[in-house]
Amino acid sequence: MAVISSHVLNGTDGTHAPGIPVVLKNLASGEILFDSSTDEGGRLCEQVDIAGYDPATEYELCFRVGIFWQGRAWEHTPIAREIVFRILMPANSARYHIPLIISPNSCACWTSVPEE
């Protein structure tokens, strides 16, 4: 099993970003591989069975950050509703870590080298 993990931080105050819905979809088939959300610590860790897939398969990892910003007092409504990554997972037993720092009008991310 592959593992998709993330840690999402609120860049406005340095706190964790809980409750952000996260969806992973196989772009070739349209199959939803998981529909989850970040925990109270802003973390996500999901196992994904991709053993039968072509290593060149593309996936879409979508963080629905608009929900996180709803109800928070900002001068302007943030216009970014989703942060979407198109990724490959060539090793079916690797851990793919994609952390994010989000703010109402920007984000920063990086990825780790897959660990098998």
PDB file of N, CA and C in Angstrom:
ATOM      1  N   MET A   1       0.827  -1.187   0.000  1.00  0.00           N
ATOM      2  CA  MET A   1       0.000   0.000   0.000  1.00  0.00           C
ATOM      3  C   MET A   1       0.873   1.254   0.000  1.00  0.00           C
ATOM      4  N   ALA A   2       0.463   2.222  -0.791  1.00  0.00           N
ATOM      5  CA  ALA A   2       1.099   3.535  -0.752  1.00  0.00           C
ATOM      6  C   ALA A   2       0.445   4.335   0.371  1.00  0.00           C
ATOM      7  N   VAL A   3       1.144   5.354   0.837  1.00  0.00           N
ATOM      8  CA  VAL A   3       0.603   6.231   1.868  1.00  0.00           C
ATOM      9  C   VAL A   3       0.714   7.666   1.372  1.00  0.00           C
ATOM     10  N   ILE A   4      -0.394   8.389   1.473  1.00  0.00           N
ATOM     11  CA  ILE A   4      -0.411   9.830   1.213  1.00  0.00           C
ATOM     12  C   ILE A   4      -0.516  10.504   2.579  1.00  0.00           C
ATOM     13  N   SER A   5       0.405  11.411   2.860  1.00  0.00           N
ATOM     14  CA  SER A   5       0.334  12.128   4.134  1.00  0.00           C
ATOM     15  C   SER A   5       0.549  13.616   3.897  1.00  0.00           C
ATOM     16  N   SER A   6       0.067  14.404   4.842  1.00  0.00           N
ATOM     17  CA  SER A   6       0.217  15.847   4.772  1.00  0.00           C
ATOM     18  C   SER A   6       0.126  16.429   6.172  1.00  0.00           C
ATOM     19  N   HIS A   7       0.611  17.631   6.312  1.00  0.00           N
ATOM     20  CA  HIS A   7       0.429  18.427   7.521  1.00  0.00           C
ATOM     21  C   HIS A   7       0.115  19.829   7.024  1.00  0.00           C
ATOM     22  N   VAL A   8      -1.076  20.321   7.336  1.00  0.00           N
ATOM     23  CA  VAL A   8      -1.508  21.623   6.848  1.00  0.00           C
ATOM     24  C   VAL A   8      -1.475  22.609   8.008  1.00  0.00           C
ATOM     25  N   LEU A   9      -0.776  23.718   7.782  1.00  0.00           N
ATOM     26  CA  LEU A   9      -0.651  24.768   8.794  1.00  0.00           C
ATOM     27  C   LEU A   9      -1.306  26.056   8.309  1.00  0.00           C
ATOM     28  N   ASN A  10      -1.916  26.777   9.245  1.00  0.00           N
ATOM     29  CA  ASN A  10      -2.514  28.075   8.994  1.00  0.00           C
ATOM     30  C   ASN A  10      -1.383  29.099   9.043  1.00  0.00           C
ATOM     31  N   GLY A  11      -1.042  29.649   7.897  1.00  0.00           N
ATOM     32  CA  GLY A  11       0.070  30.591   7.818  1.00  0.00           C
ATOM     33  C   GLY A  11      -0.207  31.950   8.421  1.00  0.00           C
ATOM     34  N   THR A  12      -1.448  32.239   8.766  1.00  0.00           N
ATOM     35  CA  THR A  12      -1.761  33.546   9.348  1.00  0.00           C
ATOM     36  C   THR A  12      -1.384  33.621  10.816  1.00  0.00           C
ATOM     37  N   ASP A  13      -1.416  32.468  11.497  1.00  0.00           N
ATOM     38  CA  ASP A  13      -1.096  32.486  12.928  1.00  0.00           C
ATOM     39  C   ASP A  13      -0.253  31.300  13.392  1.00  0.00           C
ATOM     40  N   GLY A  14       0.157  30.456  12.456  1.00  0.00           N
ATOM     41  CA  GLY A  14       1.037  29.343  12.803  1.00  0.00           C
ATOM     42  C   GLY A  14       0.361  28.148  13.440  1.00  0.00           C
ATOM     43  N   THR A  15      -0.974  28.131  13.477  1.00  0.00           N
ATOM     44  CA  THR A  15      -1.686  27.005  14.079  1.00  0.00           C
ATOM     45  C   THR A  15      -1.941  25.913  13.046  1.00  0.00           C
ATOM     46  N   HIS A  16      -2.406  24.782  13.528  1.00  0.00           N
ATOM     47  CA  HIS A  16      -2.767  23.679  12.643  1.00  0.00           C
ATOM     48  C   HIS A  16      -4.059  24.021  11.911  1.00  0.00           C
ATOM     49  N   ALA A  17      -4.313  23.344  10.802  1.00  0.00           N
ATOM     50  CA  ALA A  17      -5.513  23.587   9.996  1.00  0.00           C
ATOM     51  C   ALA A  17      -6.373  22.322   9.970  1.00  0.00           C
ATOM     52  N   PRO A  18      -7.223  22.144  10.978  1.00  0.00           N
ATOM     53  CA  PRO A  18      -8.070  20.950  11.036  1.00  0.00           C
ATOM     54  C   PRO A  18      -9.300  21.056  10.145  1.00  0.00           C
ATOM     55  N   GLY A  19      -9.853  19.895   9.805  1.00  0.00           N
ATOM     56  CA  GLY A  19     -11.140  19.830   9.122  1.00  0.00           C
ATOM     57  C   GLY A  19     -11.135  20.187   7.651  1.00  0.00           C
ATOM     58  N   ILE A  20      -9.975  20.191   7.016  1.00  0.00           N
ATOM     59  CA  ILE A  20      -9.932  20.481   5.582  1.00  0.00           C
ATOM     60  C   ILE A  20     -10.215  19.190   4.813  1.00  0.00           C
ATOM     61  N   PRO A  21     -11.283  19.163   4.011  1.00  0.00           N
ATOM     62  CA  PRO A  21     -11.562  17.978   3.209  1.00  0.00           C
ATOM     63  C   PRO A  21     -10.453  17.759   2.169  1.00  0.00           C
ATOM     64  N   VAL A  22     -10.061  16.498   2.009  1.00  0.00           N
ATOM     65  CA  VAL A  22      -9.012  16.135   1.058  1.00  0.00           C
ATOM     66  C   VAL A  22      -9.497  14.924   0.267  1.00  0.00           C
ATOM     67  N   VAL A  23      -9.410  15.020  -1.070  1.00  0.00           N
ATOM     68  CA  VAL A  23      -9.876  13.945  -1.945  1.00  0.00           C
ATOM     69  C   VAL A  23      -8.732  13.547  -2.871  1.00  0.00           C
ATOM     70  N   LEU A  24      -8.537  12.241  -3.031  1.00  0.00           N
ATOM     71  CA  LEU A  24      -7.575  11.716  -4.000  1.00  0.00           C
ATOM     72  C   LEU A  24      -8.338  10.964  -5.068  1.00  0.00           C
ATOM     73  N   LYS A  25      -8.114  11.357  -6.336  1.00  0.00           N
ATOM     74  CA  LYS A  25      -8.817  10.740  -7.455  1.00  0.00           C
ATOM     75  C   LYS A  25      -7.830  10.233  -8.497  1.00  0.00           C
ATOM     76  N   ASN A  26      -8.087   9.059  -9.035  1.00  0.00           N
ATOM     77  CA  ASN A  26      -7.342   8.512 -10.159  1.00  0.00           C
ATOM     78  C   ASN A  26      -7.864   9.228 -11.402  1.00  0.00           C
ATOM     79  N   LEU A  27      -7.022   9.981 -12.089  1.00  0.00           N
ATOM     80  CA  LEU A  27      -7.482  10.754 -13.245  1.00  0.00           C
ATOM     81  C   LEU A  27      -7.801   9.886 -14.458  1.00  0.00           C
ATOM     82  N   ALA A  28      -7.177   8.726 -14.569  1.00  0.00           N
ATOM     83  CA  ALA A  28      -7.453   7.846 -15.709  1.00  0.00           C
ATOM     84  C   ALA A  28      -8.844   7.227 -15.621  1.00  0.00           C
ATOM     85  N   SER A  29      -9.230   6.807 -14.423  1.00  0.00           N
ATOM     86  CA  SER A  29     -10.505   6.105 -14.257  1.00  0.00           C
ATOM     87  C   SER A  29     -11.596   6.961 -13.630  1.00  0.00           C
ATOM     88  N   GLY A  30     -11.201   8.059 -12.985  1.00  0.00           N
ATOM     89  CA  GLY A  30     -12.165   8.877 -12.257  1.00  0.00           C
ATOM     90  C   GLY A  30     -12.497   8.339 -10.875  1.00  0.00           C
ATOM     91  N   GLU A  31     -11.876   7.223 -10.503  1.00  0.00           N
ATOM     92  CA  GLU A  31     -12.146   6.587  -9.209  1.00  0.00           C
ATOM     93  C   GLU A  31     -11.637   7.454  -8.056  1.00  0.00           C
ATOM     94  N   ILE A  32     -12.470   7.639  -7.046  1.00  0.00           N
ATOM     95  CA  ILE A  32     -12.071   8.326  -5.817  1.00  0.00           C
ATOM     96  C   ILE A  32     -11.387   7.290  -4.929  1.00  0.00           C
ATOM     97  N   LEU A  33     -10.113   7.516  -4.617  1.00  0.00           N
ATOM     98  CA  LEU A  33      -9.357   6.568  -3.801  1.00  0.00           C
ATOM     99  C   LEU A  33      -9.510   6.852  -2.309  1.00  0.00           C
ATOM    100  N   PHE A  34      -9.716   8.103  -1.963  1.00  0.00           N
ATOM    101  CA  PHE A  34     -10.159   8.431  -0.603  1.00  0.00           C
ATOM    102  C   PHE A  34     -10.792   9.806  -0.592  1.00  0.00           C
ATOM    103  N   ASP A  35     -11.675   9.993   0.361  1.00  0.00           N
ATOM    104  CA  ASP A  35     -12.348  11.259   0.620  1.00  0.00           C
ATOM    105  C   ASP A  35     -12.273  11.419   2.132  1.00  0.00           C
ATOM    106  N   SER A  36     -11.359  12.243   2.598  1.00  0.00           N
ATOM    107  CA  SER A  36     -11.035  12.322   4.011  1.00  0.00           C
ATOM    108  C   SER A  36     -10.950  13.783   4.433  1.00  0.00           C
ATOM    109  N   SER A  37     -10.360  14.044   5.584  1.00  0.00           N
ATOM    110  CA  SER A  37     -10.105  15.426   6.010  1.00  0.00           C
ATOM    111  C   SER A  37      -8.957  15.438   7.005  1.00  0.00           C
ATOM    112  N   THR A  38      -8.359  16.614   7.170  1.00  0.00           N
ATOM    113  CA  THR A  38      -7.268  16.742   8.127  1.00  0.00           C
ATOM    114  C   THR A  38      -7.818  16.613   9.547  1.00  0.00           C
ATOM    115  N   ASP A  39      -7.012  16.030  10.424  1.00  0.00           N
ATOM    116  CA  ASP A  39      -7.442  15.832  11.811  1.00  0.00           C
ATOM    117  C   ASP A  39      -7.240  17.118  12.619  1.00  0.00           C
ATOM    118  N   GLU A  40      -7.470  17.053  13.924  1.00  0.00           N
ATOM    119  CA  GLU A  40      -7.354  18.237  14.782  1.00  0.00           C
ATOM    120  C   GLU A  40      -5.958  18.852  14.757  1.00  0.00           C
ATOM    121  N   GLY A  41      -4.959  18.053  14.437  1.00  0.00           N
ATOM    122  CA  GLY A  41      -3.592  18.552  14.330  1.00  0.00           C
ATOM    123  C   GLY A  41      -3.220  18.993  12.928  1.00  0.00           C
ATOM    124  N   GLY A  42      -4.220  19.053  12.018  1.00  0.00           N
ATOM    125  CA  GLY A  42      -3.967  19.454  10.639  1.00  0.00           C
ATOM    126  C   GLY A  42      -3.280  18.383   9.811  1.00  0.00           C
ATOM    127  N   ARG A  43      -3.298  17.152  10.314  1.00  0.00           N
ATOM    128  CA  ARG A  43      -2.586  16.062   9.624  1.00  0.00           C
ATOM    129  C   ARG A  43      -3.534  15.144   8.866  1.00  0.00           C
ATOM    130  N   LEU A  44      -2.971  14.537   7.838  1.00  0.00           N
ATOM    131  CA  LEU A  44      -3.684  13.560   7.019  1.00  0.00           C
ATOM    132  C   LEU A  44      -2.738  12.392   6.787  1.00  0.00           C
ATOM    133  N   CYS A  45      -3.241  11.178   6.905  1.00  0.00           N
ATOM    134  CA  CYS A  45      -2.455   9.985   6.607  1.00  0.00           C
ATOM    135  C   CYS A  45      -3.417   8.918   6.108  1.00  0.00           C
ATOM    136  N   GLU A  46      -3.346   8.611   4.814  1.00  0.00           N
ATOM    137  CA  GLU A  46      -4.259   7.646   4.194  1.00  0.00           C
ATOM    138  C   GLU A  46      -3.484   6.597   3.415  1.00  0.00           C
ATOM    139  N   GLN A  47      -3.866   5.336   3.586  1.00  0.00           N
ATOM    140  CA  GLN A  47      -3.294   4.253   2.792  1.00  0.00           C
ATOM    141  C   GLN A  47      -4.092   4.122   1.497  1.00  0.00           C
ATOM    142  N   VAL A  48      -3.374   3.856   0.408  1.00  0.00           N
ATOM    143  CA  VAL A  48      -4.000   3.759  -0.900  1.00  0.00           C
ATOM    144  C   VAL A  48      -3.476   2.511  -1.605  1.00  0.00           C
ATOM    145  N   ASP A  49      -4.381   1.657  -2.048  1.00  0.00           N
ATOM    146  CA  ASP A  49      -3.987   0.446  -2.770  1.00  0.00           C
ATOM    147  C   ASP A  49      -3.872   0.766  -4.258  1.00  0.00           C
ATOM    148  N   ILE A  50      -2.648   0.938  -4.736  1.00  0.00           N
ATOM    149  CA  ILE A  50      -2.411   1.240  -6.149  1.00  0.00           C
ATOM    150  C   ILE A  50      -1.591   0.133  -6.825  1.00  0.00           C
ATOM    151  N   ALA A  51      -1.547  -1.026  -6.209  1.00  0.00           N
ATOM    152  CA  ALA A  51      -0.704  -2.123  -6.705  1.00  0.00           C
ATOM    153  C   ALA A  51      -1.005  -2.503  -8.149  1.00  0.00           C
ATOM    154  N   GLY A  52      -2.255  -2.447  -8.582  1.00  0.00           N
ATOM    155  CA  GLY A  52      -2.607  -2.847  -9.941  1.00  0.00           C
ATOM    156  C   GLY A  52      -2.544  -1.741 -10.970  1.00  0.00           C
ATOM    157  N   TYR A  53      -2.181  -0.531 -10.564  1.00  0.00           N
ATOM    158  CA  TYR A  53      -2.183   0.604 -11.475  1.00  0.00           C
ATOM    159  C   TYR A  53      -0.846   0.760 -12.190  1.00  0.00           C
ATOM    160  N   ASP A  54      -0.898   1.335 -13.365  1.00  0.00           N
ATOM    161  CA  ASP A  54       0.295   1.680 -14.128  1.00  0.00           C
ATOM    162  C   ASP A  54       1.060   2.756 -13.347  1.00  0.00           C
ATOM    163  N   PRO A  55       2.382   2.621 -13.209  1.00  0.00           N
ATOM    164  CA  PRO A  55       3.168   3.633 -12.481  1.00  0.00           C
ATOM    165  C   PRO A  55       3.064   5.042 -13.083  1.00  0.00           C
ATOM    166  N   ALA A  56       2.639   5.151 -14.353  1.00  0.00           N
ATOM    167  CA  ALA A  56       2.495   6.456 -14.997  1.00  0.00           C
ATOM    168  C   ALA A  56       1.111   7.073 -14.774  1.00  0.00           C
ATOM    169  N   THR A  57       0.266   6.402 -14.007  1.00  0.00           N
ATOM    170  CA  THR A  57      -1.070   6.936 -13.717  1.00  0.00           C
ATOM    171  C   THR A  57      -0.961   8.264 -12.977  1.00  0.00           C
ATOM    172  N   GLU A  58      -1.766   9.227 -13.398  1.00  0.00           N
ATOM    173  CA  GLU A  58      -1.799  10.523 -12.721  1.00  0.00           C
ATOM    174  C   GLU A  58      -2.966  10.564 -11.742  1.00  0.00           C
ATOM    175  N   TYR A  59      -2.741  11.239 -10.634  1.00  0.00           N
ATOM    176  CA  TYR A  59      -3.741  11.372  -9.581  1.00  0.00           C
ATOM    177  C   TYR A  59      -3.951  12.844  -9.288  1.00  0.00           C
ATOM    178  N   GLU A  60      -5.137  13.168  -8.815  1.00  0.00           N
ATOM    179  CA  GLU A  60      -5.426  14.524  -8.389  1.00  0.00           C
ATOM    180  C   GLU A  60      -5.676  14.511  -6.890  1.00  0.00           C
ATOM    181  N   LEU A  61      -4.894  15.295  -6.179  1.00  0.00           N
ATOM    182  CA  LEU A  61      -5.033  15.441  -4.736  1.00  0.00           C
ATOM    183  C   LEU A  61      -5.571  16.842  -4.483  1.00  0.00           C
ATOM    184  N   CYS A  62      -6.784  16.925  -3.949  1.00  0.00           N
ATOM    185  CA  CYS A  62      -7.475  18.198  -3.803  1.00  0.00           C
ATOM    186  C   CYS A  62      -7.724  18.519  -2.334  1.00  0.00           C
ATOM    187  N   PHE A  63      -7.204  19.662  -1.894  1.00  0.00           N
ATOM    188  CA  PHE A  63      -7.434  20.186  -0.558  1.00  0.00           C
ATOM    189  C   PHE A  63      -8.502  21.275  -0.684  1.00  0.00           C
ATOM    190  N   ARG A  64      -9.644  21.087  -0.077  1.00  0.00           N
ATOM    191  CA  ARG A  64     -10.750  22.051  -0.176  1.00  0.00           C
ATOM    192  C   ARG A  64     -10.637  23.085   0.949  1.00  0.00           C
ATOM    193  N   VAL A  65      -9.719  24.024   0.754  1.00  0.00           N
ATOM    194  CA  VAL A  65      -9.375  24.993   1.798  1.00  0.00           C
ATOM    195  C   VAL A  65     -10.435  26.061   2.025  1.00  0.00           C
ATOM    196  N   GLY A  66     -11.315  26.275   1.067  1.00  0.00           N
ATOM    197  CA  GLY A  66     -12.362  27.287   1.224  1.00  0.00           C
ATOM    198  C   GLY A  66     -13.200  27.042   2.461  1.00  0.00           C
ATOM    199  N   ILE A  67     -13.455  25.780   2.774  1.00  0.00           N
ATOM    200  CA  ILE A  67     -14.232  25.422   3.949  1.00  0.00           C
ATOM    201  C   ILE A  67     -13.517  25.878   5.222  1.00  0.00           C
ATOM    202  N   PHE A  68     -12.204  25.759   5.243  1.00  0.00           N
ATOM    203  CA  PHE A  68     -11.432  26.161   6.418  1.00  0.00           C
ATOM    204  C   PHE A  68     -11.574  27.661   6.693  1.00  0.00           C
ATOM    205  N   TRP A  69     -11.577  28.467   5.628  1.00  0.00           N
ATOM    206  CA  TRP A  69     -11.615  29.920   5.809  1.00  0.00           C
ATOM    207  C   TRP A  69     -13.020  30.454   6.078  1.00  0.00           C
ATOM    208  N   GLN A  70     -14.049  29.662   5.805  1.00  0.00           N
ATOM    209  CA  GLN A  70     -15.413  30.123   6.083  1.00  0.00           C
ATOM    210  C   GLN A  70     -15.578  30.387   7.576  1.00  0.00           C
ATOM    211  N   GLY A  71     -16.241  31.467   7.898  1.00  0.00           N
ATOM    212  CA  GLY A  71     -16.510  31.782   9.290  1.00  0.00           C
ATOM    213  C   GLY A  71     -15.370  32.469  10.011  1.00  0.00           C
ATOM    214  N   ARG A  72     -14.234  32.613   9.362  1.00  0.00           N
ATOM    215  CA  ARG A  72     -13.134  33.351   9.971  1.00  0.00           C
ATOM    216  C   ARG A  72     -13.220  34.798   9.500  1.00  0.00           C
ATOM    217  N   ALA A  73     -12.920  35.707  10.358  1.00  0.00           N
ATOM    218  CA  ALA A  73     -13.065  37.131  10.039  1.00  0.00           C
ATOM    219  C   ALA A  73     -11.883  37.637   9.210  1.00  0.00           C
ATOM    220  N   TRP A  74     -12.134  37.901   7.935  1.00  0.00           N
ATOM    221  CA  TRP A  74     -11.122  38.475   7.042  1.00  0.00           C
ATOM    222  C   TRP A  74     -11.733  39.683   6.372  1.00  0.00           C
ATOM    223  N   GLU A  75     -10.902  40.644   6.048  1.00  0.00           N
ATOM    224  CA  GLU A  75     -11.410  41.853   5.386  1.00  0.00           C
ATOM    225  C   GLU A  75     -12.064  41.510   4.050  1.00  0.00           C
ATOM    226  N   HIS A  76     -11.474  40.589   3.314  1.00  0.00           N
ATOM    227  CA  HIS A  76     -12.006  40.155   2.021  1.00  0.00           C
ATOM    228  C   HIS A  76     -12.222  38.649   2.056  1.00  0.00           C
ATOM    229  N   THR A  77     -13.198  38.197   1.328  1.00  0.00           N
ATOM    230  CA  THR A  77     -13.445  36.758   1.235  1.00  0.00           C
ATOM    231  C   THR A  77     -12.347  36.127   0.389  1.00  0.00           C
ATOM    232  N   PRO A  78     -11.655  35.101   0.899  1.00  0.00           N
ATOM    233  CA  PRO A  78     -10.633  34.424   0.095  1.00  0.00           C
ATOM    234  C   PRO A  78     -11.272  33.802  -1.151  1.00  0.00           C
ATOM    235  N   ILE A  79     -10.635  33.985  -2.303  1.00  0.00           N
ATOM    236  CA  ILE A  79     -11.213  33.463  -3.536  1.00  0.00           C
ATOM    237  C   ILE A  79     -10.718  32.053  -3.878  1.00  0.00           C
ATOM    238  N   ALA A  80      -9.620  31.622  -3.283  1.00  0.00           N
ATOM    239  CA  ALA A  80      -9.111  30.270  -3.539  1.00  0.00           C
ATOM    240  C   ALA A  80      -9.949  29.278  -2.754  1.00  0.00           C
ATOM    241  N   ARG A  81     -10.653  28.408  -3.449  1.00  0.00           N
ATOM    242  CA  ARG A  81     -11.533  27.425  -2.818  1.00  0.00           C
ATOM    243  C   ARG A  81     -10.848  26.071  -2.663  1.00  0.00           C
ATOM    244  N   GLU A  82      -9.965  25.755  -3.600  1.00  0.00           N
ATOM    245  CA  GLU A  82      -9.289  24.454  -3.590  1.00  0.00           C
ATOM    246  C   GLU A  82      -7.830  24.634  -3.975  1.00  0.00           C
ATOM    247  N   ILE A  83      -6.993  23.778  -3.403  1.00  0.00           N
ATOM    248  CA  ILE A  83      -5.603  23.668  -3.825  1.00  0.00           C
ATOM    249  C   ILE A  83      -5.465  22.257  -4.390  1.00  0.00           C
ATOM    250  N   VAL A  84      -5.093  22.176  -5.657  1.00  0.00           N
ATOM    251  CA  VAL A  84      -5.081  20.893  -6.361  1.00  0.00           C
ATOM    252  C   VAL A  84      -3.664  20.568  -6.823  1.00  0.00           C
ATOM    253  N   PHE A  85      -3.268  19.320  -6.576  1.00  0.00           N
ATOM    254  CA  PHE A  85      -1.985  18.817  -7.042  1.00  0.00           C
ATOM    255  C   PHE A  85      -2.235  17.661  -7.992  1.00  0.00           C
ATOM    256  N   ARG A  86      -1.525  17.634  -9.091  1.00  0.00           N
ATOM    257  CA  ARG A  86      -1.535  16.489 -10.005  1.00  0.00           C
ATOM    258  C   ARG A  86      -0.229  15.759  -9.738  1.00  0.00           C
ATOM    259  N   ILE A  87      -0.348  14.525  -9.267  1.00  0.00           N
ATOM    260  CA  ILE A  87       0.843  13.797  -8.823  1.00  0.00           C
ATOM    261  C   ILE A  87       0.936  12.429  -9.487  1.00  0.00           C
ATOM    262  N   LEU A  88       2.125  11.875  -9.449  1.00  0.00           N
ATOM    263  CA  LEU A  88       2.399  10.489  -9.819  1.00  0.00           C
ATOM    264  C   LEU A  88       2.744   9.738  -8.544  1.00  0.00           C
ATOM    265  N   MET A  89       2.422   8.461  -8.515  1.00  0.00           N
ATOM    266  CA  MET A  89       2.851   7.599  -7.413  1.00  0.00           C
ATOM    267  C   MET A  89       3.457   6.336  -8.039  1.00  0.00           C
ATOM    268  N   PRO A  90       4.692   6.433  -8.519  1.00  0.00           N
ATOM    269  CA  PRO A  90       5.290   5.326  -9.251  1.00  0.00           C
ATOM    270  C   PRO A  90       5.619   4.095  -8.402  1.00  0.00           C
ATOM    271  N   ALA A  91       5.823   4.263  -7.115  1.00  0.00           N
ATOM    272  CA  ALA A  91       6.135   3.125  -6.241  1.00  0.00           C
ATOM    273  C   ALA A  91       4.907   2.811  -5.390  1.00  0.00           C
ATOM    274  N   ASN A  92       4.377   1.609  -5.549  1.00  0.00           N
ATOM    275  CA  ASN A  92       3.108   1.289  -4.890  1.00  0.00           C
ATOM    276  C   ASN A  92       3.212   1.022  -3.391  1.00  0.00           C
ATOM    277  N   SER A  93       4.413   1.082  -2.841  1.00  0.00           N
ATOM    278  CA  SER A  93       4.542   0.903  -1.388  1.00  0.00           C
ATOM    279  C   SER A  93       5.259   2.088  -0.733  1.00  0.00           C
ATOM    280  N   ALA A  94       5.307   3.218  -1.431  1.00  0.00           N
ATOM    281  CA  ALA A  94       6.017   4.392  -0.920  1.00  0.00           C
ATOM    282  C   ALA A  94       5.104   5.286  -0.092  1.00  0.00           C
ATOM    283  N   ARG A  95       5.740   6.174   0.673  1.00  0.00           N
ATOM    284  CA  ARG A  95       5.019   7.211   1.408  1.00  0.00           C
ATOM    285  C   ARG A  95       5.244   8.523   0.673  1.00  0.00           C
ATOM    286  N   TYR A  96       4.144   9.175   0.296  1.00  0.00           N
ATOM    287  CA  TYR A  96       4.177  10.449  -0.410  1.00  0.00           C
ATOM    288  C   TYR A  96       3.688  11.527   0.555  1.00  0.00           C
ATOM    289  N   HIS A  97       4.605  12.402   0.984  1.00  0.00           N
ATOM    290  CA  HIS A  97       4.271  13.419   1.980  1.00  0.00           C
ATOM    291  C   HIS A  97       4.224  14.780   1.296  1.00  0.00           C
ATOM    292  N   ILE A  98       3.073  15.473   1.434  1.00  0.00           N
ATOM    293  CA  ILE A  98       2.854  16.760   0.776  1.00  0.00           C
ATOM    294  C   ILE A  98       2.320  17.750   1.813  1.00  0.00           C
ATOM    295  N   PRO A  99       3.199  18.422   2.556  1.00  0.00           N
ATOM    296  CA  PRO A  99       2.755  19.400   3.540  1.00  0.00           C
ATOM    297  C   PRO A  99       2.431  20.752   2.889  1.00  0.00           C
ATOM    298  N   LEU A 100       1.544  21.503   3.562  1.00  0.00           N
ATOM    299  CA  LEU A 100       1.096  22.805   3.059  1.00  0.00           C
ATOM    300  C   LEU A 100       1.092  23.845   4.175  1.00  0.00           C
ATOM    301  N   ILE A 101       1.385  25.064   3.799  1.00  0.00           N
ATOM    302  CA  ILE A 101       1.130  26.214   4.657  1.00  0.00           C
ATOM    303  C   ILE A 101       0.148  27.073   3.866  1.00  0.00           C
ATOM    304  N   ILE A 102      -1.016  27.357   4.471  1.00  0.00           N
ATOM    305  CA  ILE A 102      -2.050  28.093   3.755  1.00  0.00           C
ATOM    306  C   ILE A 102      -2.344  29.426   4.440  1.00  0.00           C
ATOM    307  N   SER A 103      -2.745  30.384   3.640  1.00  0.00           N
ATOM    308  CA  SER A 103      -3.277  31.651   4.137  1.00  0.00           C
ATOM    309  C   SER A 103      -4.424  32.016   3.198  1.00  0.00           C
ATOM    310  N   PRO A 104      -5.216  33.021   3.518  1.00  0.00           N
ATOM    311  CA  PRO A 104      -6.389  33.308   2.696  1.00  0.00           C
ATOM    312  C   PRO A 104      -6.089  33.580   1.222  1.00  0.00           C
ATOM    313  N   ASN A 105      -4.901  34.091   0.911  1.00  0.00           N
ATOM    314  CA  ASN A 105      -4.603  34.447  -0.473  1.00  0.00           C
ATOM    315  C   ASN A 105      -3.327  33.823  -1.022  1.00  0.00           C
ATOM    316  N   SER A 106      -2.806  32.815  -0.338  1.00  0.00           N
ATOM    317  CA  SER A 106      -1.598  32.171  -0.836  1.00  0.00           C
ATOM    318  C   SER A 106      -1.424  30.810  -0.185  1.00  0.00           C
ATOM    319  N   CYS A 107      -0.474  30.063  -0.722  1.00  0.00           N
ATOM    320  CA  CYS A 107      -0.105  28.794  -0.102  1.00  0.00           C
ATOM    321  C   CYS A 107       1.331  28.463  -0.478  1.00  0.00           C
ATOM    322  N   ALA A 108       1.932  27.611   0.317  1.00  0.00           N
ATOM    323  CA  ALA A 108       3.261  27.092   0.026  1.00  0.00           C
ATOM    324  C   ALA A 108       3.210  25.595   0.265  1.00  0.00           C
ATOM    325  N   CYS A 109       3.890  24.853  -0.581  1.00  0.00           N
ATOM    326  CA  CYS A 109       3.926  23.398  -0.403  1.00  0.00           C
ATOM    327  C   CYS A 109       5.280  22.876  -0.827  1.00  0.00           C
ATOM    328  N   TRP A 110       5.533  21.669  -0.459  1.00  0.00           N
ATOM    329  CA  TRP A 110       6.736  20.960  -0.883  1.00  0.00           C
ATOM    330  C   TRP A 110       6.394  19.480  -0.811  1.00  0.00           C
ATOM    331  N   THR A 111       7.222  18.688  -1.386  1.00  0.00           N
ATOM    332  CA  THR A 111       7.016  17.244  -1.321  1.00  0.00           C
ATOM    333  C   THR A 111       8.297  16.584  -0.851  1.00  0.00           C
ATOM    334  N   SER A 112       8.111  15.463  -0.218  1.00  0.00           N
ATOM    335  CA  SER A 112       9.280  14.719   0.217  1.00  0.00           C
ATOM    336  C   SER A 112       9.630  13.689  -0.854  1.00  0.00           C
ATOM    337  N   VAL A 113      10.840  13.208  -0.804  1.00  0.00           N
ATOM    338  CA  VAL A 113      11.244  12.109  -1.692  1.00  0.00           C
ATOM    339  C   VAL A 113      10.530  10.863  -1.171  1.00  0.00           C
ATOM    340  N   PRO A 114       9.825  10.153  -2.065  1.00  0.00           N
ATOM    341  CA  PRO A 114       9.087   8.961  -1.593  1.00  0.00           C
ATOM    342  C   PRO A 114       9.994   7.980  -0.865  1.00  0.00           C
ATOM    343  N   GLU A 115       9.530   7.539   0.291  1.00  0.00           N
ATOM    344  CA  GLU A 115      10.260   6.550   1.072  1.00  0.00           C
ATOM    345  C   GLU A 115       9.552   5.204   0.929  1.00  0.00           C
ATOM    346  N   GLU A 116      10.309   4.193   0.536  1.00  0.00           N
ATOM    347  CA  GLU A 116       9.716   2.851   0.413  1.00  0.00           C
ATOM    348  C   GLU A 116      10.033   2.026   1.628  1.00  0.00           C
TER     349      GLU A 116
END
